[in-house]
Amino acid sequence: MKLLLLICLLACIPSGSLLAHPAGFSGMRLTVEAERVRVALTVHARDMDDWFPPGKYPDYVGDITREMENTVDEIVELQIQERPQAIESVRAFELETGLIEIDVDYRFADSAESVEMLIWSKHLIWLPRGHQQLLYIEDPRGMPLDTEQGVVKFS
């Protein structure tokens, strides 16, 4: 009787939920400094299977970090005043076990006037359904941030 009850209970659980992991999170930190803007993106390797299939990359972390550096334009884009910004430097590495970070630096001429910045996470289409990304904006210059209709304005 107990075995039959256990079999009935297991039959009620959807099979996908036994093997699947919860939807992942990634983070993007945008740091605005006087002469540059740094975008630091962190993604867990377990969420990158569709983006970088494990069988295709024998040295998984080393291979995908090099691939990310070589295809950074397909990962992130920064626009200032509606103009795409040129990448000054890029570096991808394993931050800790399973957590990949890519740092992208853009040149930025500090301005007293307001500027509009747009950051685009182009890679999100490759991450699992339900994936969420946290955006953190830091401005150590001490400039006040004004948010209006979902747009962050540096004034």
C-alpha atoms as a PDB file:
ATOM      1  CA  MET A   1       0.000   0.000   0.000  1.00  0.00           C
ATOM      2  CA  LYS A   2       2.813   2.465   0.898  1.00  0.00           C
ATOM      3  CA  LEU A   3       4.604   1.672  -2.380  1.00  0.00           C
ATOM      4  CA  LEU A   4       1.430   2.313  -4.385  1.00  0.00           C
ATOM      5  CA  LEU A   5       0.925   5.646  -2.589  1.00  0.00           C
ATOM      6  CA  LEU A   6       4.527   6.671  -3.328  1.00  0.00           C
ATOM      7  CA  ILE A   7       4.122   5.755  -7.014  1.00  0.00           C
ATOM      8  CA  CYS A   8       0.885   7.789  -7.184  1.00  0.00           C
ATOM      9  CA  LEU A   9       2.565  10.805  -5.571  1.00  0.00           C
ATOM     10  CA  LEU A  10       5.530  10.649  -7.955  1.00  0.00           C
ATOM     11  CA  ALA A  11       3.176  10.372 -10.931  1.00  0.00           C
ATOM     12  CA  CYS A  12       1.552  13.686  -9.902  1.00  0.00           C
ATOM     13  CA  ILE A  13       4.840  15.612 -10.065  1.00  0.00           C
ATOM     14  CA  PRO A  14       5.592  17.011 -13.538  1.00  0.00           C
ATOM     15  CA  SER A  15       8.727  15.295 -14.835  1.00  0.00           C
ATOM     16  CA  GLY A  16      10.410  18.530 -15.944  1.00  0.00           C
ATOM     17  CA  SER A  17      10.420  19.908 -12.404  1.00  0.00           C
ATOM     18  CA  LEU A  18      12.446  16.952 -11.106  1.00  0.00           C
ATOM     19  CA  LEU A  19      15.434  17.694 -13.340  1.00  0.00           C
ATOM     20  CA  ALA A  20      15.177  21.400 -14.090  1.00  0.00           C
ATOM     21  CA  HIS A  21      16.890  24.095 -12.080  1.00  0.00           C
ATOM     22  CA  PRO A  22      15.105  27.353 -11.312  1.00  0.00           C
ATOM     23  CA  ALA A  23      15.345  30.197 -13.783  1.00  0.00           C
ATOM     24  CA  GLY A  24      18.666  31.934 -13.365  1.00  0.00           C
ATOM     25  CA  PHE A  25      19.741  35.434 -12.548  1.00  0.00           C
ATOM     26  CA  SER A  26      22.488  37.494 -14.059  1.00  0.00           C
ATOM     27  CA  GLY A  27      23.759  40.892 -13.106  1.00  0.00           C
ATOM     28  CA  MET A  28      24.894  43.910 -15.010  1.00  0.00           C
ATOM     29  CA  ARG A  29      26.754  46.694 -13.218  1.00  0.00           C
ATOM     30  CA  LEU A  30      27.235  49.972 -15.081  1.00  0.00           C
ATOM     31  CA  THR A  31      29.848  52.219 -13.465  1.00  0.00           C
ATOM     32  CA  VAL A  32      30.124  55.768 -14.781  1.00  0.00           C
ATOM     33  CA  GLU A  33      33.437  57.469 -14.130  1.00  0.00           C
ATOM     34  CA  ALA A  34      34.961  60.729 -15.351  1.00  0.00           C
ATOM     35  CA  GLU A  35      36.760  59.145 -18.321  1.00  0.00           C
ATOM     36  CA  ARG A  36      35.087  55.785 -18.850  1.00  0.00           C
ATOM     37  CA  VAL A  37      31.985  53.682 -18.439  1.00  0.00           C
ATOM     38  CA  ARG A  38      32.518  50.082 -17.353  1.00  0.00           C
ATOM     39  CA  VAL A  39      29.895  47.435 -17.931  1.00  0.00           C
ATOM     40  CA  ALA A  40      30.428  44.297 -15.839  1.00  0.00           C
ATOM     41  CA  LEU A  41      28.131  41.421 -16.748  1.00  0.00           C
ATOM     42  CA  THR A  42      27.966  38.249 -14.641  1.00  0.00           C
ATOM     43  CA  VAL A  43      26.213  35.067 -15.783  1.00  0.00           C
ATOM     44  CA  HIS A  44      26.193  31.597 -14.244  1.00  0.00           C
ATOM     45  CA  ALA A  45      27.647  28.949 -16.573  1.00  0.00           C
ATOM     46  CA  ARG A  46      24.674  26.619 -15.950  1.00  0.00           C
ATOM     47  CA  ASP A  47      22.465  29.139 -17.765  1.00  0.00           C
ATOM     48  CA  MET A  48      24.697  29.258 -20.843  1.00  0.00           C
ATOM     49  CA  ASP A  49      24.006  25.810 -22.365  1.00  0.00           C
ATOM     50  CA  ASP A  50      21.971  27.179 -25.305  1.00  0.00           C
ATOM     51  CA  TRP A  51      24.403  30.032 -25.830  1.00  0.00           C
ATOM     52  CA  PHE A  52      27.569  27.919 -25.514  1.00  0.00           C
ATOM     53  CA  PRO A  53      26.716  24.186 -25.836  1.00  0.00           C
ATOM     54  CA  PRO A  54      29.085  22.246 -23.521  1.00  0.00           C
ATOM     55  CA  GLY A  55      29.967  19.586 -26.126  1.00  0.00           C
ATOM     56  CA  LYS A  56      31.307  22.252 -28.471  1.00  0.00           C
ATOM     57  CA  TYR A  57      33.789  23.694 -25.938  1.00  0.00           C
ATOM     58  CA  PRO A  58      36.214  21.111 -24.442  1.00  0.00           C
ATOM     59  CA  ASP A  59      37.868  23.647 -22.073  1.00  0.00           C
ATOM     60  CA  TYR A  60      34.485  25.122 -21.238  1.00  0.00           C
ATOM     61  CA  VAL A  61      35.410  28.151 -19.109  1.00  0.00           C
ATOM     62  CA  GLY A  62      38.562  29.041 -21.054  1.00  0.00           C
ATOM     63  CA  ASP A  63      36.892  28.574 -24.436  1.00  0.00           C
ATOM     64  CA  ILE A  64      33.716  30.501 -23.657  1.00  0.00           C
ATOM     65  CA  THR A  65      35.516  33.412 -22.013  1.00  0.00           C
ATOM     66  CA  ARG A  66      37.657  33.779 -25.167  1.00  0.00           C
ATOM     67  CA  GLU A  67      34.537  33.486 -27.327  1.00  0.00           C
ATOM     68  CA  MET A  68      32.773  36.135 -25.232  1.00  0.00           C
ATOM     69  CA  GLU A  69      35.715  38.513 -25.643  1.00  0.00           C
ATOM     70  CA  ASN A  70      35.702  37.940 -29.417  1.00  0.00           C
ATOM     71  CA  THR A  71      31.931  38.451 -29.771  1.00  0.00           C
ATOM     72  CA  VAL A  72      31.394  41.206 -27.214  1.00  0.00           C
ATOM     73  CA  ASP A  73      29.397  43.260 -29.756  1.00  0.00           C
ATOM     74  CA  GLU A  74      26.792  40.463 -29.678  1.00  0.00           C
ATOM     75  CA  ILE A  75      26.619  40.567 -25.869  1.00  0.00           C
ATOM     76  CA  VAL A  76      26.302  44.208 -24.853  1.00  0.00           C
ATOM     77  CA  GLU A  77      26.055  47.639 -26.429  1.00  0.00           C
ATOM     78  CA  LEU A  78      26.322  51.094 -24.888  1.00  0.00           C
ATOM     79  CA  GLN A  79      24.888  54.169 -26.572  1.00  0.00           C
ATOM     80  CA  ILE A  80      25.361  57.755 -25.439  1.00  0.00           C
ATOM     81  CA  GLN A  81      23.114  60.378 -27.000  1.00  0.00           C
ATOM     82  CA  GLU A  82      21.843  57.634 -29.370  1.00  0.00           C
ATOM     83  CA  ARG A  83      25.371  56.917 -30.694  1.00  0.00           C
ATOM     84  CA  PRO A  84      26.911  53.460 -30.171  1.00  0.00           C
ATOM     85  CA  GLN A  85      30.158  53.748 -28.233  1.00  0.00           C
ATOM     86  CA  ALA A  86      33.417  52.097 -29.261  1.00  0.00           C
ATOM     87  CA  ILE A  87      34.797  49.464 -26.918  1.00  0.00           C
ATOM     88  CA  GLU A  88      38.094  50.456 -25.336  1.00  0.00           C
ATOM     89  CA  SER A  89      38.870  47.100 -23.661  1.00  0.00           C
ATOM     90  CA  VAL A  90      37.200  43.804 -22.832  1.00  0.00           C
ATOM     91  CA  ARG A  91      38.096  40.980 -20.461  1.00  0.00           C
ATOM     92  CA  ALA A  92      36.111  37.822 -19.645  1.00  0.00           C
ATOM     93  CA  PHE A  93      37.030  35.471 -16.796  1.00  0.00           C
ATOM     94  CA  GLU A  94      35.678  33.064 -14.200  1.00  0.00           C
ATOM     95  CA  LEU A  95      34.815  35.192 -11.168  1.00  0.00           C
ATOM     96  CA  GLU A  96      34.204  32.133  -8.999  1.00  0.00           C
ATOM     97  CA  THR A  97      33.280  28.535  -9.739  1.00  0.00           C
ATOM     98  CA  GLY A  98      30.560  28.573 -12.381  1.00  0.00           C
ATOM     99  CA  LEU A  99      30.211  32.361 -12.472  1.00  0.00           C
ATOM    100  CA  ILE A 100      31.502  34.083 -15.602  1.00  0.00           C
ATOM    101  CA  GLU A 101      32.118  37.841 -15.739  1.00  0.00           C
ATOM    102  CA  ILE A 102      32.839  40.000 -18.738  1.00  0.00           C
ATOM    103  CA  ASP A 103      34.077  43.558 -18.181  1.00  0.00           C
ATOM    104  CA  VAL A 104      33.684  45.995 -21.055  1.00  0.00           C
ATOM    105  CA  ASP A 105      35.176  49.484 -20.901  1.00  0.00           C
ATOM    106  CA  TYR A 106      33.990  52.405 -23.019  1.00  0.00           C
ATOM    107  CA  ARG A 107      35.620  55.826 -23.227  1.00  0.00           C
ATOM    108  CA  PHE A 108      33.470  58.561 -21.697  1.00  0.00           C
ATOM    109  CA  ALA A 109      34.150  62.279 -21.695  1.00  0.00           C
ATOM    110  CA  ASP A 110      32.684  63.620 -18.451  1.00  0.00           C
ATOM    111  CA  SER A 111      30.184  66.315 -19.195  1.00  0.00           C
ATOM    112  CA  ALA A 112      28.442  68.880 -17.034  1.00  0.00           C
ATOM    113  CA  GLU A 113      25.345  68.581 -19.202  1.00  0.00           C
ATOM    114  CA  SER A 114      22.859  65.741 -19.058  1.00  0.00           C
ATOM    115  CA  VAL A 115      23.485  62.770 -21.315  1.00  0.00           C
ATOM    116  CA  GLU A 116      21.246  59.898 -22.250  1.00  0.00           C
ATOM    117  CA  MET A 117      22.776  56.422 -21.937  1.00  0.00           C
ATOM    118  CA  LEU A 118      21.266  53.246 -23.272  1.00  0.00           C
ATOM    119  CA  ILE A 119      22.646  49.861 -22.265  1.00  0.00           C
ATOM    120  CA  TRP A 120      21.474  46.864 -24.268  1.00  0.00           C
ATOM    121  CA  SER A 121      21.854  43.273 -23.048  1.00  0.00           C
ATOM    122  CA  LYS A 122      21.858  41.552 -26.429  1.00  0.00           C
ATOM    123  CA  HIS A 123      22.687  38.118 -25.002  1.00  0.00           C
ATOM    124  CA  LEU A 124      19.462  37.641 -23.018  1.00  0.00           C
ATOM    125  CA  ILE A 125      17.793  35.757 -25.898  1.00  0.00           C
ATOM    126  CA  TRP A 126      20.316  32.926 -25.347  1.00  0.00           C
ATOM    127  CA  LEU A 127      19.487  32.466 -21.664  1.00  0.00           C
ATOM    128  CA  PRO A 128      16.730  30.183 -20.311  1.00  0.00           C
ATOM    129  CA  ARG A 129      13.095  31.249 -20.328  1.00  0.00           C
ATOM    130  CA  GLY A 130      12.320  33.103 -17.117  1.00  0.00           C
ATOM    131  CA  HIS A 131      15.906  34.315 -16.698  1.00  0.00           C
ATOM    132  CA  GLN A 132      16.127  37.669 -14.931  1.00  0.00           C
ATOM    133  CA  GLN A 133      18.869  40.267 -15.009  1.00  0.00           C
ATOM    134  CA  LEU A 134      19.525  42.813 -12.295  1.00  0.00           C
ATOM    135  CA  LEU A 135      20.877  46.177 -13.473  1.00  0.00           C
ATOM    136  CA  TYR A 136      22.924  48.178 -10.981  1.00  0.00           C
ATOM    137  CA  ILE A 137      24.104  51.690 -11.877  1.00  0.00           C
ATOM    138  CA  GLU A 138      26.918  53.299  -9.941  1.00  0.00           C
ATOM    139  CA  ASP A 139      28.136  56.860 -10.388  1.00  0.00           C
ATOM    140  CA  PRO A 140      31.058  57.497  -8.025  1.00  0.00           C
ATOM    141  CA  ARG A 141      31.384  61.017  -9.464  1.00  0.00           C
ATOM    142  CA  GLY A 142      28.566  62.002  -7.104  1.00  0.00           C
ATOM    143  CA  MET A 143      26.214  63.108  -9.867  1.00  0.00           C
ATOM    144  CA  PRO A 144      22.523  62.803  -8.901  1.00  0.00           C
ATOM    145  CA  LEU A 145      20.435  60.257 -10.788  1.00  0.00           C
ATOM    146  CA  ASP A 146      16.957  61.127 -11.982  1.00  0.00           C
ATOM    147  CA  THR A 147      14.647  58.334 -13.121  1.00  0.00           C
ATOM    148  CA  GLU A 148      11.746  59.200 -15.343  1.00  0.00           C
ATOM    149  CA  GLN A 149       9.554  56.663 -17.162  1.00  0.00           C
ATOM    150  CA  GLY A 150      12.114  53.876 -16.744  1.00  0.00           C
ATOM    151  CA  VAL A 151      14.918  55.986 -18.203  1.00  0.00           C
ATOM    152  CA  VAL A 152      17.913  56.778 -16.030  1.00  0.00           C
ATOM    153  CA  LYS A 153      19.246  60.244 -16.659  1.00  0.00           C
ATOM    154  CA  PHE A 154      22.599  61.519 -15.421  1.00  0.00           C
ATOM    155  CA  SER A 155      22.330  65.213 -14.712  1.00  0.00           C
END
